[in-house]
């Protein structure tokens, strides 16, 4: 069973943005959103795709990118 990251910043007064992963850990089509300052960097297959301002815009971009990849 793969280890899942925990939310260790839950009790801080000004928590930083948390990163997240879209897809399973063993899936080659996995996207990672990594916090960079006040923004989120989207990484796919080791390449930086885009830097988004919030989680909502990052999820929208990933959804659109998945549709483009299937064509």
Protein backbone atom coordinates (compact mmCIF):
# COMPACT_ATOMS: atom_id res chain seq x y z
CA UNK A 1 0.00 0.00 0.00
CA UNK A 2 1.41 3.40 -0.98
CA UNK A 3 1.91 6.10 1.63
CA UNK A 4 -0.40 9.08 1.32
CA UNK A 5 0.77 12.57 2.40
CA UNK A 6 -0.92 14.10 5.43
CA UNK A 7 -2.05 17.65 6.13
CA UNK A 8 0.57 18.63 8.71
CA UNK A 9 -0.25 22.37 8.48
CA UNK A 10 -3.81 22.05 9.74
CA UNK A 11 -3.17 23.92 13.01
CA UNK A 12 -1.03 26.80 11.74
CA UNK A 13 -2.57 30.28 11.75
CA UNK A 14 -1.65 31.07 8.13
CA UNK A 15 -1.33 27.69 6.44
CA UNK A 16 0.40 27.58 3.06
CA UNK A 17 -1.45 26.26 0.04
CA UNK A 18 -1.37 22.50 -0.02
CA UNK A 19 -0.31 20.62 -3.09
CA UNK A 20 -2.43 17.83 -4.50
CA UNK A 21 -2.26 14.98 -6.97
CA UNK A 22 -4.80 14.14 -9.70
CA UNK A 23 -4.75 10.47 -10.62
CA UNK A 24 -3.53 7.39 -8.79
CA UNK A 25 0.04 6.96 -7.60
CA UNK A 26 0.74 4.15 -10.11
CA UNK A 27 -0.91 5.94 -13.05
CA UNK A 28 1.47 7.36 -15.69
CA UNK A 29 -1.21 10.01 -16.43
CA UNK A 30 -0.76 11.59 -12.98
CA UNK A 31 -0.70 15.36 -12.46
CA UNK A 32 0.88 17.03 -9.43
CA UNK A 33 0.16 20.53 -8.16
CA UNK A 34 3.08 21.85 -6.14
CA UNK A 35 2.87 25.04 -4.08
CA UNK A 36 5.27 27.79 -5.21
CA UNK A 37 4.90 30.81 -2.94
CA UNK A 38 1.28 31.91 -3.29
CA UNK A 39 0.70 29.95 -6.51
CA UNK A 40 0.41 26.34 -7.66
CA UNK A 41 2.69 24.77 -10.28
CA UNK A 42 1.20 21.97 -12.39
CA UNK A 43 3.66 19.18 -13.22
CA UNK A 44 2.94 16.38 -15.71
CA UNK A 45 5.49 13.67 -16.57
CA UNK A 46 8.29 15.73 -15.01
CA UNK A 47 7.51 18.89 -16.99
CA UNK A 48 6.11 22.14 -15.66
CA UNK A 49 2.93 22.89 -17.60
CA UNK A 50 1.53 26.01 -15.98
CA UNK A 51 1.51 28.13 -12.82
CA UNK A 52 -2.00 28.83 -11.52
CA UNK A 53 -3.20 31.32 -8.91
CA UNK A 54 -5.59 28.99 -7.07
CA UNK A 55 -6.72 25.38 -6.80
CA UNK A 56 -9.88 25.93 -8.84
CA UNK A 57 -8.01 27.23 -11.89
CA UNK A 58 -5.44 24.43 -11.57
CA UNK A 59 -8.16 21.75 -11.57
CA UNK A 60 -9.84 23.35 -14.61
CA UNK A 61 -6.53 23.38 -16.51
CA UNK A 62 -5.85 19.73 -15.66
CA UNK A 63 -9.34 18.74 -16.82
CA UNK A 64 -8.83 20.54 -20.16
CA UNK A 65 -5.33 19.08 -20.57
CA UNK A 66 -6.64 15.54 -20.01
CA UNK A 67 -9.21 16.01 -22.80
CA UNK A 68 -6.53 17.27 -25.20
CA UNK A 69 -4.25 14.32 -24.41
CA UNK A 70 -6.94 11.77 -25.33
CA UNK A 71 -7.32 13.07 -28.90
